[in-house]
C-alpha atoms as a PDB file:
ATOM      1  CA  UNK A   1     -19.387 -18.358 -11.234  1.00  0.00           C
ATOM      2  CA  UNK A   2     -17.826 -16.096 -13.819  1.00  0.00           C
ATOM      3  CA  UNK A   3     -14.266 -15.257 -14.548  1.00  0.00           C
ATOM      4  CA  UNK A   4     -14.428 -12.235 -12.830  1.00  0.00           C
ATOM      5  CA  UNK A   5     -15.933 -13.474  -9.578  1.00  0.00           C
ATOM      6  CA  UNK A   6     -13.580 -16.363  -9.325  1.00  0.00           C
ATOM      7  CA  UNK A   7     -10.479 -13.862  -9.546  1.00  0.00           C
ATOM      8  CA  UNK A   8     -12.009 -11.739  -6.983  1.00  0.00           C
ATOM      9  CA  UNK A   9     -12.829 -14.677  -4.717  1.00  0.00           C
ATOM     10  CA  UNK A  10      -9.238 -16.016  -4.963  1.00  0.00           C
ATOM     11  CA  UNK A  11      -7.914 -12.367  -4.301  1.00  0.00           C
ATOM     12  CA  UNK A  12      -9.986 -12.251  -1.194  1.00  0.00           C
ATOM     13  CA  UNK A  13      -8.692 -15.463  -0.167  1.00  0.00           C
ATOM     14  CA  UNK A  14      -5.451 -15.060  -0.641  1.00  0.00           C
ATOM     15  CA  UNK A  15      -5.310 -11.678   1.238  1.00  0.00           C
ATOM     16  CA  UNK A  16      -6.930 -13.295   4.161  1.00  0.00           C
ATOM     17  CA  UNK A  17      -4.436 -16.069   4.113  1.00  0.00           C
ATOM     18  CA  UNK A  18      -1.521 -13.871   3.612  1.00  0.00           C
ATOM     19  CA  UNK A  19      -2.813 -11.592   7.050  1.00  0.00           C
ATOM     20  CA  UNK A  20      -3.239 -14.666   9.194  1.00  0.00           C
ATOM     21  CA  UNK A  21       0.245 -16.048   7.839  1.00  0.00           C
ATOM     22  CA  UNK A  22       2.407 -12.972   8.072  1.00  0.00           C
ATOM     23  CA  UNK A  23       2.851 -12.863  12.118  1.00  0.00           C
ATOM     24  CA  UNK A  24       3.286 -16.963  12.382  1.00  0.00           C
ATOM     25  CA  UNK A  25       7.080 -17.382  13.150  1.00  0.00           C
ATOM     26  CA  UNK A  26       7.850 -13.824  13.131  1.00  0.00           C
ATOM     27  CA  UNK A  27      11.291 -12.675  14.768  1.00  0.00           C
ATOM     28  CA  UNK A  28      11.501  -9.290  15.731  1.00  0.00           C
ATOM     29  CA  UNK A  29      14.519  -6.954  16.517  1.00  0.00           C
ATOM     30  CA  UNK A  30      13.256  -6.794  20.092  1.00  0.00           C
ATOM     31  CA  UNK A  31      13.365 -10.355  20.327  1.00  0.00           C
ATOM     32  CA  UNK A  32      16.763 -10.897  19.111  1.00  0.00           C
ATOM     33  CA  UNK A  33      18.146  -7.911  21.366  1.00  0.00           C
ATOM     34  CA  UNK A  34      19.426  -6.318  18.001  1.00  0.00           C
ATOM     35  CA  UNK A  35      17.391  -2.946  17.712  1.00  0.00           C
ATOM     36  CA  UNK A  36      18.879  -0.959  14.881  1.00  0.00           C
ATOM     37  CA  UNK A  37      18.623   2.953  15.452  1.00  0.00           C
ATOM     38  CA  UNK A  38      15.886   4.388  13.686  1.00  0.00           C
ATOM     39  CA  UNK A  39      13.720   1.445  13.806  1.00  0.00           C
ATOM     40  CA  UNK A  40      10.752   0.356  15.249  1.00  0.00           C
ATOM     41  CA  UNK A  41      11.590  -2.374  17.862  1.00  0.00           C
ATOM     42  CA  UNK A  42       8.850  -4.716  16.474  1.00  0.00           C
ATOM     43  CA  UNK A  43      10.485  -4.739  12.778  1.00  0.00           C
ATOM     44  CA  UNK A  44      11.227  -8.017  11.697  1.00  0.00           C
ATOM     45  CA  UNK A  45      14.934  -9.369  11.709  1.00  0.00           C
ATOM     46  CA  UNK A  46      14.815 -11.998   8.870  1.00  0.00           C
ATOM     47  CA  UNK A  47      11.690 -11.345   7.042  1.00  0.00           C
ATOM     48  CA  UNK A  48      11.494 -14.026   3.768  1.00  0.00           C
ATOM     49  CA  UNK A  49       8.529 -12.633   1.802  1.00  0.00           C
ATOM     50  CA  UNK A  50       9.083 -14.762  -1.336  1.00  0.00           C
ATOM     51  CA  UNK A  51       8.531 -18.087   1.115  1.00  0.00           C
ATOM     52  CA  UNK A  52       5.644 -16.600   2.717  1.00  0.00           C
ATOM     53  CA  UNK A  53       4.063 -15.506  -0.551  1.00  0.00           C
ATOM     54  CA  UNK A  54       4.899 -19.201  -1.624  1.00  0.00           C
ATOM     55  CA  UNK A  55       2.998 -20.708   1.378  1.00  0.00           C
ATOM     56  CA  UNK A  56       0.256 -18.406   0.938  1.00  0.00           C
ATOM     57  CA  UNK A  57      -0.360 -19.033  -2.705  1.00  0.00           C
ATOM     58  CA  UNK A  58      -0.261 -23.140  -2.134  1.00  0.00           C
ATOM     59  CA  UNK A  59      -2.860 -22.563   0.805  1.00  0.00           C
ATOM     60  CA  UNK A  60      -5.083 -20.098  -1.052  1.00  0.00           C
ATOM     61  CA  UNK A  61      -5.360 -22.130  -3.969  1.00  0.00           C
ATOM     62  CA  UNK A  62      -6.345 -25.313  -2.200  1.00  0.00           C
ATOM     63  CA  UNK A  63      -8.949 -23.144  -0.315  1.00  0.00           C
ATOM     64  CA  UNK A  64     -10.136 -21.749  -3.479  1.00  0.00           C
ATOM     65  CA  UNK A  65     -10.418 -25.240  -5.291  1.00  0.00           C
ATOM     66  CA  UNK A  66     -12.897 -26.151  -2.240  1.00  0.00           C
ATOM     67  CA  UNK A  67     -14.839 -23.131  -1.970  1.00  0.00           C
ATOM     68  CA  UNK A  68     -15.089 -22.677  -5.947  1.00  0.00           C
ATOM     69  CA  UNK A  69     -16.194 -26.548  -5.932  1.00  0.00           C
ATOM     70  CA  UNK A  70     -18.932 -25.911  -3.468  1.00  0.00           C
ATOM     71  CA  UNK A  71     -20.183 -22.967  -5.213  1.00  0.00           C
ATOM     72  CA  UNK A  72     -20.282 -24.401  -8.622  1.00  0.00           C
ATOM     73  CA  UNK A  73     -21.624 -28.061  -7.402  1.00  0.00           C
ATOM     74  CA  UNK A  74     -24.558 -26.148  -5.897  1.00  0.00           C
ATOM     75  CA  UNK A  75     -24.457 -27.066  -2.315  1.00  0.00           C
ATOM     76  CA  UNK A  76     -24.725 -23.783  -1.336  1.00  0.00           C
ATOM     77  CA  UNK A  77     -26.962 -21.196  -3.444  1.00  0.00           C
ATOM     78  CA  UNK A  78     -27.171 -17.681  -3.123  1.00  0.00           C
ATOM     79  CA  UNK A  79     -30.979 -17.911  -2.449  1.00  0.00           C
ATOM     80  CA  UNK A  80     -30.352 -20.094   0.675  1.00  0.00           C
ATOM     81  CA  UNK A  81     -28.508 -17.123   2.044  1.00  0.00           C
ATOM     82  CA  UNK A  82     -31.321 -14.949   2.263  1.00  0.00           C
ATOM     83  CA  UNK A  83     -31.205 -14.615   6.031  1.00  0.00           C
ATOM     84  CA  UNK A  84     -27.801 -12.635   5.537  1.00  0.00           C
END
């Protein structure tokens, strides 16, 4: 796996984990009965993006290490995935 392949793999993993993590623990304005005029009732009340990004980065790094280890060790080869 080249450097560019590793970067692309990490970005794809990070993006997927981010989309899975975003709705976890989300409190909306409608849940809090505090809808600000002119905003959507589903807007988050107290969204902590930096905390979410830190958690996503930690989880993505662990997943990347496992997946890259499997790829680099040769346990799974691209030739074995020919049926796709």
